[in-house]
Amino acid sequence: MALNRWLAATCVALASLLAVPVARSQSTDALLNLPDDPATLQQSSPSSASPAAAPANSGVTAPSSSSTQTAASQTAEDDERKKAEEQLKEQERQRVFGVMATFNTTTNKDALPLSPGQKYQLFFKSATDPWPFVLTVFSAGIDQAENSFPAYGQGVEGYAKRYGAGYADYFTGNFFGNAVLTSWWHEDPRYFQKGTGSGFSRFMWAAGSTVWCKRDNGTWGPNYANVVGNLIGAAISNVYYPQSDRTFGGTIERGFSVSAQGIVGAEVIEFWPDMVRHHRRKQAEKLARQEAQRDVQSTSQPAPQTAPQTPHQNP
């Protein structure tokens, strides 16, 4: 039931987005134009890098090689952190059709890993964006229409309870799945968009992202943070859900339903650039046909005939 509710809410929200004029849609390159390679350190010339020899009786000691290596390592870490911060800021401007936030997405397969602080920053940015609030409006409305969680009742009060529960589910699941556990287990909370290959391979790539993720060390492995985080969020939801829904089976169902919802979101993110390109191509073809019809009409119409002038005769 929960999966159907969120799937329907997503479909309704996306259907409303498709009505937005094409001029408001952003190209994939502009949205996800992240740098491909981390910044490289500038190496100084040997003459400037090597410390000058101190006079024998000057009392000045040349810096040791260990301290130089430590300083160079610290500089490299600082540069990498700044580069990751720049990439994160680019991601936080990404949207589908200018509305749906896709902050947890990147097309840069070599994107630098995020620090724990950056993972919390990404979570907070996503959780406070208007998009999850808008999506919860649709999901709460569907729950109200289906009379899900009957103990909440109907009317404004029932809708408010369903809305609060829906957003709380989103917040707690993402807090643990994208911030706490990803920092603890060194997993990357982002979806790495494939963008190339056959449609089936891209479909399976997006579907597998719910249970398979990239790690901070560059390897790939099981997405423990996402699955366990959703189960933790479902367990916490027993605090505010009606007593009749606080069952073990209901908790497990809600947890895995949220994981399944992640598959739907990943599929939308993976294929929405193709939908944008298809929509733009159709619009361009339509405009070209209209322009051709106007040209044909203008050339097929005969030139206006002027009446012959009679010569003026003097009396």
C-alpha atoms as a PDB file:
ATOM      1  CA  MET A   1       0.000   0.000   0.000  1.00  0.00           C
ATOM      2  CA  ALA A   2       2.781   2.401   0.882  1.00  0.00           C
ATOM      3  CA  LEU A   3       4.614   1.727  -2.380  1.00  0.00           C
ATOM      4  CA  ASN A   4       1.461   2.303  -4.426  1.00  0.00           C
ATOM      5  CA  ARG A   5       0.826   5.522  -2.531  1.00  0.00           C
ATOM      6  CA  TRP A   6       4.280   6.962  -3.159  1.00  0.00           C
ATOM      7  CA  LEU A   7       4.391   5.707  -6.745  1.00  0.00           C
ATOM      8  CA  ALA A   8       1.065   7.362  -7.462  1.00  0.00           C
ATOM      9  CA  ALA A   9       2.200  10.563  -5.760  1.00  0.00           C
ATOM     10  CA  THR A  10       5.371  10.612  -7.830  1.00  0.00           C
ATOM     11  CA  CYS A  11       3.448  10.012 -11.045  1.00  0.00           C
ATOM     12  CA  VAL A  12       0.968  12.780 -10.260  1.00  0.00           C
ATOM     13  CA  ALA A  13       3.761  15.199  -9.403  1.00  0.00           C
ATOM     14  CA  LEU A  14       5.719  14.357 -12.555  1.00  0.00           C
ATOM     15  CA  ALA A  15       2.599  14.645 -14.690  1.00  0.00           C
ATOM     16  CA  SER A  16       2.146  18.179 -13.434  1.00  0.00           C
ATOM     17  CA  LEU A  17       5.783  18.906 -14.222  1.00  0.00           C
ATOM     18  CA  LEU A  18       5.380  17.749 -17.812  1.00  0.00           C
ATOM     19  CA  ALA A  19       2.936  20.594 -18.353  1.00  0.00           C
ATOM     20  CA  VAL A  20       5.700  23.129 -17.748  1.00  0.00           C
ATOM     21  CA  PRO A  21       6.855  24.797 -21.008  1.00  0.00           C
ATOM     22  CA  VAL A  22      10.016  23.412 -22.496  1.00  0.00           C
ATOM     23  CA  ALA A  23      11.736  26.763 -22.091  1.00  0.00           C
ATOM     24  CA  ARG A  24      11.841  26.209 -18.341  1.00  0.00           C
ATOM     25  CA  SER A  25      13.575  22.833 -18.585  1.00  0.00           C
ATOM     26  CA  GLN A  26      17.324  22.769 -18.170  1.00  0.00           C
ATOM     27  CA  SER A  27      19.731  20.754 -20.266  1.00  0.00           C
ATOM     28  CA  THR A  28      21.545  17.825 -18.737  1.00  0.00           C
ATOM     29  CA  ASP A  29      24.951  19.334 -19.335  1.00  0.00           C
ATOM     30  CA  ALA A  30      23.996  22.563 -17.601  1.00  0.00           C
ATOM     31  CA  LEU A  31      22.443  20.743 -14.652  1.00  0.00           C
ATOM     32  CA  LEU A  32      25.089  18.136 -14.036  1.00  0.00           C
ATOM     33  CA  ASN A  33      28.198  19.788 -15.457  1.00  0.00           C
ATOM     34  CA  LEU A  34      30.608  18.617 -12.812  1.00  0.00           C
ATOM     35  CA  PRO A  35      34.375  18.564 -13.239  1.00  0.00           C
ATOM     36  CA  ASP A  36      35.743  15.213 -14.292  1.00  0.00           C
ATOM     37  CA  ASP A  37      39.100  15.179 -12.507  1.00  0.00           C
ATOM     38  CA  PRO A  38      40.220  16.299  -9.054  1.00  0.00           C
ATOM     39  CA  ALA A  39      42.493  19.292  -8.889  1.00  0.00           C
ATOM     40  CA  THR A  40      46.191  18.540  -9.148  1.00  0.00           C
ATOM     41  CA  LEU A  41      48.729  20.159  -6.947  1.00  0.00           C
ATOM     42  CA  GLN A  42      51.200  22.555  -8.496  1.00  0.00           C
ATOM     43  CA  GLN A  43      54.670  21.240  -8.053  1.00  0.00           C
ATOM     44  CA  SER A  44      57.338  23.786  -7.414  1.00  0.00           C
ATOM     45  CA  SER A  45      60.649  23.668  -9.232  1.00  0.00           C
ATOM     46  CA  PRO A  46      63.482  21.762  -7.590  1.00  0.00           C
ATOM     47  CA  SER A  47      65.386  24.944  -6.942  1.00  0.00           C
ATOM     48  CA  SER A  48      62.505  26.551  -5.085  1.00  0.00           C
ATOM     49  CA  ALA A  49      61.311  23.340  -3.411  1.00  0.00           C
ATOM     50  CA  SER A  50      64.615  22.454  -1.768  1.00  0.00           C
ATOM     51  CA  PRO A  51      65.381  24.478   1.316  1.00  0.00           C
ATOM     52  CA  ALA A  52      68.425  26.710   1.122  1.00  0.00           C
ATOM     53  CA  ALA A  53      71.428  25.423   2.944  1.00  0.00           C
ATOM     54  CA  ALA A  54      71.878  27.248   6.222  1.00  0.00           C
ATOM     55  CA  PRO A  55      75.253  28.677   7.068  1.00  0.00           C
ATOM     56  CA  ALA A  56      77.325  26.511   9.318  1.00  0.00           C
ATOM     57  CA  ASN A  57      77.262  28.903  12.279  1.00  0.00           C
ATOM     58  CA  SER A  58      73.888  30.568  11.659  1.00  0.00           C
ATOM     59  CA  GLY A  59      72.021  28.396  14.139  1.00  0.00           C
ATOM     60  CA  VAL A  60      69.130  27.885  11.668  1.00  0.00           C
ATOM     61  CA  THR A  61      68.006  24.282  11.177  1.00  0.00           C
ATOM     62  CA  ALA A  62      66.620  23.217   7.792  1.00  0.00           C
ATOM     63  CA  PRO A  63      63.148  21.707   7.929  1.00  0.00           C
ATOM     64  CA  SER A  64      63.109  17.921   8.176  1.00  0.00           C
ATOM     65  CA  SER A  65      61.784  15.710   5.379  1.00  0.00           C
ATOM     66  CA  SER A  66      59.024  14.308   7.643  1.00  0.00           C
ATOM     67  CA  SER A  67      57.629  17.759   8.394  1.00  0.00           C
ATOM     68  CA  THR A  68      57.743  18.635   4.682  1.00  0.00           C
ATOM     69  CA  GLN A  69      55.844  15.461   3.798  1.00  0.00           C
ATOM     70  CA  THR A  70      53.276  16.165   6.520  1.00  0.00           C
ATOM     71  CA  ALA A  71      52.702  19.682   5.210  1.00  0.00           C
ATOM     72  CA  ALA A  72      52.364  18.413   1.639  1.00  0.00           C
ATOM     73  CA  SER A  73      49.889  15.745   2.745  1.00  0.00           C
ATOM     74  CA  GLN A  74      47.837  18.316   4.647  1.00  0.00           C
ATOM     75  CA  THR A  75      47.808  20.596   1.606  1.00  0.00           C
ATOM     76  CA  ALA A  76      46.614  17.742  -0.610  1.00  0.00           C
ATOM     77  CA  GLU A  77      43.796  16.907   1.817  1.00  0.00           C
ATOM     78  CA  ASP A  78      42.717  20.537   1.963  1.00  0.00           C
ATOM     79  CA  ASP A  79      42.676  20.802  -1.827  1.00  0.00           C
ATOM     80  CA  GLU A  80      40.663  17.596  -2.137  1.00  0.00           C
ATOM     81  CA  ARG A  81      38.165  18.807   0.446  1.00  0.00           C
ATOM     82  CA  LYS A  82      37.733  22.113  -1.399  1.00  0.00           C
ATOM     83  CA  LYS A  83      37.270  20.298  -4.691  1.00  0.00           C
ATOM     84  CA  ALA A  84      34.619  18.009  -3.178  1.00  0.00           C
ATOM     85  CA  GLU A  85      32.873  21.079  -1.759  1.00  0.00           C
ATOM     86  CA  GLU A  86      32.776  22.692  -5.219  1.00  0.00           C
ATOM     87  CA  GLN A  87      31.281  19.534  -6.714  1.00  0.00           C
ATOM     88  CA  LEU A  88      28.718  19.363  -3.903  1.00  0.00           C
ATOM     89  CA  LYS A  89      27.618  22.951  -4.538  1.00  0.00           C
ATOM     90  CA  GLU A  90      27.076  22.096  -8.197  1.00  0.00           C
ATOM     91  CA  GLN A  91      24.946  19.097  -7.223  1.00  0.00           C
ATOM     92  CA  GLU A  92      22.817  21.214  -4.896  1.00  0.00           C
ATOM     93  CA  ARG A  93      21.605  23.224  -7.908  1.00  0.00           C
ATOM     94  CA  GLN A  94      20.372  20.201  -9.857  1.00  0.00           C
ATOM     95  CA  ARG A  95      16.655  19.854 -10.562  1.00  0.00           C
ATOM     96  CA  VAL A  96      14.394  17.921 -12.906  1.00  0.00           C
ATOM     97  CA  PHE A  97      12.261  20.357 -14.903  1.00  0.00           C
ATOM     98  CA  GLY A  98      13.522  23.059 -12.572  1.00  0.00           C
ATOM     99  CA  VAL A  99      11.398  21.696  -9.694  1.00  0.00           C
ATOM    100  CA  MET A 100      12.279  18.168  -8.575  1.00  0.00           C
ATOM    101  CA  ALA A 101      15.463  18.278  -6.506  1.00  0.00           C
ATOM    102  CA  THR A 102      18.165  15.768  -7.499  1.00  0.00           C
ATOM    103  CA  PHE A 103      20.888  16.835  -5.076  1.00  0.00           C
ATOM    104  CA  ASN A 104      21.916  13.225  -4.374  1.00  0.00           C
ATOM    105  CA  THR A 105      22.803  12.601  -8.026  1.00  0.00           C
ATOM    106  CA  THR A 106      25.988  12.983 -10.059  1.00  0.00           C
ATOM    107  CA  THR A 107      27.101  12.022 -13.565  1.00  0.00           C
ATOM    108  CA  ASN A 108      30.755  12.330 -12.597  1.00  0.00           C
ATOM    109  CA  LYS A 109      31.890   8.739 -12.079  1.00  0.00           C
ATOM    110  CA  ASP A 110      35.124  10.057 -10.538  1.00  0.00           C
ATOM    111  CA  ALA A 111      33.441  12.439  -8.107  1.00  0.00           C
ATOM    112  CA  LEU A 112      35.476  12.886  -4.943  1.00  0.00           C
ATOM    113  CA  PRO A 113      34.159  11.214  -1.776  1.00  0.00           C
ATOM    114  CA  LEU A 114      32.241  13.348   0.703  1.00  0.00           C
ATOM    115  CA  SER A 115      33.370  13.978   4.241  1.00  0.00           C
ATOM    116  CA  PRO A 116      30.924  13.188   7.074  1.00  0.00           C
ATOM    117  CA  GLY A 117      30.171  16.894   7.408  1.00  0.00           C
ATOM    118  CA  GLN A 118      29.391  17.142   3.686  1.00  0.00           C
ATOM    119  CA  LYS A 119      27.070  14.125   3.900  1.00  0.00           C
ATOM    120  CA  TYR A 120      25.103  15.825   6.676  1.00  0.00           C
ATOM    121  CA  GLN A 121      25.079  19.038   4.645  1.00  0.00           C
ATOM    122  CA  LEU A 122      23.688  17.196   1.617  1.00  0.00           C
ATOM    123  CA  PHE A 123      20.997  15.538   3.727  1.00  0.00           C
ATOM    124  CA  PHE A 124      19.914  18.825   5.326  1.00  0.00           C
ATOM    125  CA  LYS A 125      19.792  20.576   1.955  1.00  0.00           C
ATOM    126  CA  SER A 126      17.586  17.816   0.537  1.00  0.00           C
ATOM    127  CA  ALA A 127      15.311  17.581   3.586  1.00  0.00           C
ATOM    128  CA  THR A 128      14.608  21.323   3.736  1.00  0.00           C
ATOM    129  CA  ASP A 129      14.071  21.804  -0.009  1.00  0.00           C
ATOM    130  CA  PRO A 130      10.461  22.571  -1.091  1.00  0.00           C
ATOM    131  CA  TRP A 131      10.293  19.408  -3.225  1.00  0.00           C
ATOM    132  CA  PRO A 132       9.744  16.794  -0.433  1.00  0.00           C
ATOM    133  CA  PHE A 133       7.062  19.035   1.071  1.00  0.00           C
ATOM    134  CA  VAL A 134       5.290  19.218  -2.310  1.00  0.00           C
ATOM    135  CA  LEU A 135       5.557  15.457  -2.847  1.00  0.00           C
ATOM    136  CA  THR A 136       4.129  14.835   0.625  1.00  0.00           C
ATOM    137  CA  VAL A 137       1.099  16.944  -0.317  1.00  0.00           C
ATOM    138  CA  PHE A 138       0.250  14.402  -3.026  1.00  0.00           C
ATOM    139  CA  SER A 139       1.003  11.312  -0.923  1.00  0.00           C
ATOM    140  CA  ALA A 140      -1.055  12.586   2.024  1.00  0.00           C
ATOM    141  CA  GLY A 141      -3.926  13.373  -0.334  1.00  0.00           C
ATOM    142  CA  ILE A 142      -3.847   9.827  -1.732  1.00  0.00           C
ATOM    143  CA  ASP A 143      -3.804   8.425   1.813  1.00  0.00           C
ATOM    144  CA  GLN A 144      -6.780  10.616   2.662  1.00  0.00           C
ATOM    145  CA  ALA A 145      -8.721   9.443  -0.393  1.00  0.00           C
ATOM    146  CA  GLU A 146      -7.964   5.770   0.342  1.00  0.00           C
ATOM    147  CA  ASN A 147      -8.624   6.278   4.073  1.00  0.00           C
ATOM    148  CA  SER A 148      -5.234   4.804   4.926  1.00  0.00           C
ATOM    149  CA  PHE A 149      -4.598   4.732   8.680  1.00  0.00           C
ATOM    150  CA  PRO A 150      -8.318   5.073   9.523  1.00  0.00           C
ATOM    151  CA  ALA A 151      -7.532   6.030  13.114  1.00  0.00           C
ATOM    152  CA  TYR A 152      -6.355   9.412  11.813  1.00  0.00           C
ATOM    153  CA  GLY A 153      -9.895  10.173  10.692  1.00  0.00           C
ATOM    154  CA  GLN A 154     -10.909  12.505   7.869  1.00  0.00           C
ATOM    155  CA  GLY A 155     -11.156  16.250   7.400  1.00  0.00           C
ATOM    156  CA  VAL A 156      -8.387  18.771   7.939  1.00  0.00           C
ATOM    157  CA  GLU A 157      -7.158  17.092  11.120  1.00  0.00           C
ATOM    158  CA  GLY A 158      -6.859  13.688   9.444  1.00  0.00           C
ATOM    159  CA  TYR A 159      -5.015  15.172   6.475  1.00  0.00           C
ATOM    160  CA  ALA A 160      -2.625  17.062   8.767  1.00  0.00           C
ATOM    161  CA  LYS A 161      -1.767  13.862  10.633  1.00  0.00           C
ATOM    162  CA  ARG A 162      -1.144  11.977   7.394  1.00  0.00           C
ATOM    163  CA  TYR A 163       0.973  14.826   6.052  1.00  0.00           C
ATOM    164  CA  GLY A 164       3.083  14.990   9.215  1.00  0.00           C
ATOM    165  CA  ALA A 165       3.583  11.225   9.248  1.00  0.00           C
ATOM    166  CA  GLY A 166       4.556  11.208   5.562  1.00  0.00           C
ATOM    167  CA  TYR A 167       7.197  13.895   5.927  1.00  0.00           C
ATOM    168  CA  ALA A 168       8.502  12.358   9.159  1.00  0.00           C
ATOM    169  CA  ASP A 169       8.997   9.080   7.287  1.00  0.00           C
ATOM    170  CA  TYR A 170      11.013  10.907   4.630  1.00  0.00           C
ATOM    171  CA  PHE A 171      13.098  12.849   7.146  1.00  0.00           C
ATOM    172  CA  THR A 172      14.058   9.995   9.479  1.00  0.00           C
ATOM    173  CA  GLY A 173      14.773   7.533   6.659  1.00  0.00           C
ATOM    174  CA  ASN A 174      17.079   9.979   4.898  1.00  0.00           C
ATOM    175  CA  PHE A 175      18.702  11.132   8.123  1.00  0.00           C
ATOM    176  CA  PHE A 176      19.886   7.638   8.970  1.00  0.00           C
ATOM    177  CA  GLY A 177      20.249   6.294   5.420  1.00  0.00           C
ATOM    178  CA  ASN A 178      22.050   9.276   3.848  1.00  0.00           C
ATOM    179  CA  ALA A 179      23.891  10.899   6.748  1.00  0.00           C
ATOM    180  CA  VAL A 180      24.402   8.840   9.923  1.00  0.00           C
ATOM    181  CA  LEU A 181      25.014   5.366   8.523  1.00  0.00           C
ATOM    182  CA  THR A 182      26.832   6.502   5.373  1.00  0.00           C
ATOM    183  CA  SER A 183      29.296   8.366   7.584  1.00  0.00           C
ATOM    184  CA  TRP A 184      29.643   5.390   9.910  1.00  0.00           C
ATOM    185  CA  TRP A 185      30.089   2.771   7.167  1.00  0.00           C
ATOM    186  CA  HIS A 186      31.935   5.062   4.706  1.00  0.00           C
ATOM    187  CA  GLU A 187      29.343   4.733   1.938  1.00  0.00           C
ATOM    188  CA  ASP A 188      28.517   7.367  -0.666  1.00  0.00           C
ATOM    189  CA  PRO A 189      24.859   8.519  -0.410  1.00  0.00           C
ATOM    190  CA  ARG A 190      24.709   9.697  -4.031  1.00  0.00           C
ATOM    191  CA  TYR A 191      23.255   8.014  -7.105  1.00  0.00           C
ATOM    192  CA  PHE A 192      25.894   7.807  -9.851  1.00  0.00           C
ATOM    193  CA  GLN A 193      23.926   8.241 -13.059  1.00  0.00           C
ATOM    194  CA  LYS A 194      24.925   5.822 -15.835  1.00  0.00           C
ATOM    195  CA  GLY A 195      23.601   7.816 -18.787  1.00  0.00           C
ATOM    196  CA  THR A 196      25.021   5.520 -21.504  1.00  0.00           C
ATOM    197  CA  GLY A 197      24.472   1.990 -22.726  1.00  0.00           C
ATOM    198  CA  SER A 198      21.331   0.049 -23.554  1.00  0.00           C
ATOM    199  CA  GLY A 199      18.028   0.921 -21.962  1.00  0.00           C
ATOM    200  CA  PHE A 200      17.938  -2.403 -20.111  1.00  0.00           C
ATOM    201  CA  SER A 201      21.432  -1.965 -18.649  1.00  0.00           C
ATOM    202  CA  ARG A 202      20.549   1.537 -17.464  1.00  0.00           C
ATOM    203  CA  PHE A 203      17.269   0.267 -15.984  1.00  0.00           C
ATOM    204  CA  MET A 204      19.066  -2.448 -14.023  1.00  0.00           C
ATOM    205  CA  TRP A 205      21.771   0.006 -12.938  1.00  0.00           C
ATOM    206  CA  ALA A 206      19.162   2.363 -11.470  1.00  0.00           C
ATOM    207  CA  ALA A 207      17.217  -0.445  -9.813  1.00  0.00           C
ATOM    208  CA  GLY A 208      20.366  -1.888  -8.255  1.00  0.00           C
ATOM    209  CA  SER A 209      21.381   1.418  -6.696  1.00  0.00           C
ATOM    210  CA  THR A 210      19.000   0.741  -3.806  1.00  0.00           C
ATOM    211  CA  VAL A 211      21.097  -2.224  -2.669  1.00  0.00           C
ATOM    212  CA  TRP A 212      24.495  -1.452  -4.274  1.00  0.00           C
ATOM    213  CA  CYS A 213      26.525   1.725  -3.832  1.00  0.00           C
ATOM    214  CA  LYS A 214      29.933   3.324  -4.167  1.00  0.00           C
ATOM    215  CA  ARG A 215      32.136   3.589  -1.088  1.00  0.00           C
ATOM    216  CA  ASP A 216      34.382   6.394   0.039  1.00  0.00           C
ATOM    217  CA  ASN A 217      37.487   4.427  -0.978  1.00  0.00           C
ATOM    218  CA  GLY A 218      36.252   4.128  -4.587  1.00  0.00           C
ATOM    219  CA  THR A 219      35.103   0.485  -4.435  1.00  0.00           C
ATOM    220  CA  TRP A 220      31.517  -0.750  -4.764  1.00  0.00           C
ATOM    221  CA  GLY A 221      29.539  -2.911  -2.358  1.00  0.00           C
ATOM    222  CA  PRO A 222      26.188  -3.552  -0.652  1.00  0.00           C
ATOM    223  CA  ASN A 223      24.197  -0.436   0.221  1.00  0.00           C
ATOM    224  CA  TYR A 224      23.769  -1.249   3.896  1.00  0.00           C
ATOM    225  CA  ALA A 225      23.093   2.361   4.887  1.00  0.00           C
ATOM    226  CA  ASN A 226      20.088   2.743   2.604  1.00  0.00           C
ATOM    227  CA  VAL A 227      18.344  -0.515   3.513  1.00  0.00           C
ATOM    228  CA  VAL A 228      19.076  -0.371   7.254  1.00  0.00           C
ATOM    229  CA  GLY A 229      18.324   3.356   7.390  1.00  0.00           C
ATOM    230  CA  ASN A 230      14.878   2.787   5.894  1.00  0.00           C
ATOM    231  CA  LEU A 231      14.173   0.037   8.439  1.00  0.00           C
ATOM    232  CA  ILE A 232      15.265   2.320  11.285  1.00  0.00           C
ATOM    233  CA  GLY A 233      12.993   5.064   9.974  1.00  0.00           C
ATOM    234  CA  ALA A 234      10.095   2.596   9.797  1.00  0.00           C
ATOM    235  CA  ALA A 235      10.739   1.496  13.376  1.00  0.00           C
ATOM    236  CA  ILE A 236      10.759   5.102  14.595  1.00  0.00           C
ATOM    237  CA  SER A 237       7.485   5.732  12.749  1.00  0.00           C
ATOM    238  CA  ASN A 238       5.754   3.474  15.265  1.00  0.00           C
ATOM    239  CA  VAL A 239       5.938   6.425  17.663  1.00  0.00           C
ATOM    240  CA  TYR A 240       3.417   8.473  15.650  1.00  0.00           C
ATOM    241  CA  TYR A 241       1.477   5.883  13.631  1.00  0.00           C
ATOM    242  CA  PRO A 242      -1.841   4.580  15.062  1.00  0.00           C
ATOM    243  CA  GLN A 243      -1.682   1.706  17.514  1.00  0.00           C
ATOM    244  CA  SER A 244      -3.290  -0.691  15.028  1.00  0.00           C
ATOM    245  CA  ASP A 245      -0.413  -0.152  12.560  1.00  0.00           C
ATOM    246  CA  ARG A 246       2.416  -0.675  15.062  1.00  0.00           C
ATOM    247  CA  THR A 247       3.066  -4.280  14.144  1.00  0.00           C
ATOM    248  CA  PHE A 248       6.310  -6.018  13.290  1.00  0.00           C
ATOM    249  CA  GLY A 249       5.042  -6.958   9.845  1.00  0.00           C
ATOM    250  CA  GLY A 250       3.852  -3.420   9.189  1.00  0.00           C
ATOM    251  CA  THR A 251       7.209  -2.002  10.222  1.00  0.00           C
ATOM    252  CA  ILE A 252       9.137  -4.307   7.883  1.00  0.00           C
ATOM    253  CA  GLU A 253       6.702  -3.574   5.067  1.00  0.00           C
ATOM    254  CA  ARG A 254       7.100   0.188   5.473  1.00  0.00           C
ATOM    255  CA  GLY A 255      10.896  -0.107   5.564  1.00  0.00           C
ATOM    256  CA  PHE A 256      11.156  -2.137   2.375  1.00  0.00           C
ATOM    257  CA  SER A 257       8.469  -0.033   0.692  1.00  0.00           C
ATOM    258  CA  VAL A 258      10.655   3.045   1.136  1.00  0.00           C
ATOM    259  CA  SER A 259      13.567   1.126  -0.408  1.00  0.00           C
ATOM    260  CA  ALA A 260      11.345   0.231  -3.356  1.00  0.00           C
ATOM    261  CA  GLN A 261      10.370   3.883  -3.699  1.00  0.00           C
ATOM    262  CA  GLY A 262      14.066   4.642  -4.080  1.00  0.00           C
ATOM    263  CA  ILE A 263      14.083   2.440  -7.192  1.00  0.00           C
ATOM    264  CA  VAL A 264      11.306   4.533  -8.722  1.00  0.00           C
ATOM    265  CA  GLY A 265      13.215   7.726  -7.975  1.00  0.00           C
ATOM    266  CA  ALA A 266      16.447   6.332  -9.437  1.00  0.00           C
ATOM    267  CA  GLU A 267      14.667   5.301 -12.639  1.00  0.00           C
ATOM    268  CA  VAL A 268      13.194   8.775 -13.053  1.00  0.00           C
ATOM    269  CA  ILE A 269      16.586  10.409 -12.498  1.00  0.00           C
ATOM    270  CA  GLU A 270      18.325   8.014 -14.892  1.00  0.00           C
ATOM    271  CA  PHE A 271      15.914   8.483 -17.795  1.00  0.00           C
ATOM    272  CA  TRP A 272      14.590  12.028 -17.386  1.00  0.00           C
ATOM    273  CA  PRO A 273      17.338  13.538 -19.629  1.00  0.00           C
ATOM    274  CA  ASP A 274      16.116  11.231 -22.396  1.00  0.00           C
ATOM    275  CA  MET A 275      12.552  12.423 -21.840  1.00  0.00           C
ATOM    276  CA  VAL A 276      13.695  16.045 -22.010  1.00  0.00           C
ATOM    277  CA  ARG A 277      15.580  15.443 -25.260  1.00  0.00           C
ATOM    278  CA  HIS A 278      12.584  13.618 -26.751  1.00  0.00           C
ATOM    279  CA  HIS A 279      10.251  16.444 -25.757  1.00  0.00           C
ATOM    280  CA  ARG A 280      12.558  19.073 -27.223  1.00  0.00           C
ATOM    281  CA  ARG A 281      12.966  17.122 -30.462  1.00  0.00           C
ATOM    282  CA  LYS A 282       9.203  16.869 -30.850  1.00  0.00           C
ATOM    283  CA  GLN A 283       8.822  20.582 -30.164  1.00  0.00           C
ATOM    284  CA  ALA A 284      11.520  21.413 -32.729  1.00  0.00           C
ATOM    285  CA  GLU A 285       9.868  19.187 -35.343  1.00  0.00           C
ATOM    286  CA  LYS A 286       6.503  20.825 -34.675  1.00  0.00           C
ATOM    287  CA  LEU A 287       7.960  24.310 -35.053  1.00  0.00           C
ATOM    288  CA  ALA A 288       9.735  23.274 -38.269  1.00  0.00           C
ATOM    289  CA  ARG A 289       6.470  21.954 -39.740  1.00  0.00           C
ATOM    290  CA  GLN A 290       4.627  25.139 -38.829  1.00  0.00           C
ATOM    291  CA  GLU A 291       7.359  27.264 -40.393  1.00  0.00           C
ATOM    292  CA  ALA A 292       7.295  25.161 -43.562  1.00  0.00           C
ATOM    293  CA  GLN A 293       3.527  25.525 -43.831  1.00  0.00           C
ATOM    294  CA  ARG A 294       3.789  29.284 -43.506  1.00  0.00           C
ATOM    295  CA  ASP A 295       6.439  29.372 -46.251  1.00  0.00           C
ATOM    296  CA  VAL A 296       4.250  27.287 -48.573  1.00  0.00           C
ATOM    297  CA  GLN A 297       1.243  29.498 -47.960  1.00  0.00           C
ATOM    298  CA  SER A 298       3.199  32.669 -48.585  1.00  0.00           C
ATOM    299  CA  THR A 299       4.609  31.399 -51.908  1.00  0.00           C
ATOM    300  CA  SER A 300       1.355  29.856 -53.186  1.00  0.00           C
ATOM    301  CA  GLN A 301      -0.727  33.008 -52.788  1.00  0.00           C
ATOM    302  CA  PRO A 302      -0.841  35.068 -56.075  1.00  0.00           C
ATOM    303  CA  ALA A 303       0.451  38.608 -56.022  1.00  0.00           C
ATOM    304  CA  PRO A 304      -2.323  41.221 -55.709  1.00  0.00           C
ATOM    305  CA  GLN A 305      -3.482  42.620 -59.124  1.00  0.00           C
ATOM    306  CA  THR A 306      -3.571  46.389 -59.544  1.00  0.00           C
ATOM    307  CA  ALA A 307      -6.243  48.061 -61.736  1.00  0.00           C
ATOM    308  CA  PRO A 308      -4.888  49.552 -65.028  1.00  0.00           C
ATOM    309  CA  GLN A 309      -4.591  53.312 -65.014  1.00  0.00           C
ATOM    310  CA  THR A 310      -6.384  55.246 -67.805  1.00  0.00           C
ATOM    311  CA  PRO A 311      -4.331  57.964 -69.512  1.00  0.00           C
ATOM    312  CA  HIS A 312      -5.229  61.495 -68.512  1.00  0.00           C
ATOM    313  CA  GLN A 313      -6.768  63.452 -71.391  1.00  0.00           C
ATOM    314  CA  ASN A 314      -6.592  67.219 -71.630  1.00  0.00           C
ATOM    315  CA  PRO A 315      -9.873  68.977 -72.495  1.00  0.00           C
END
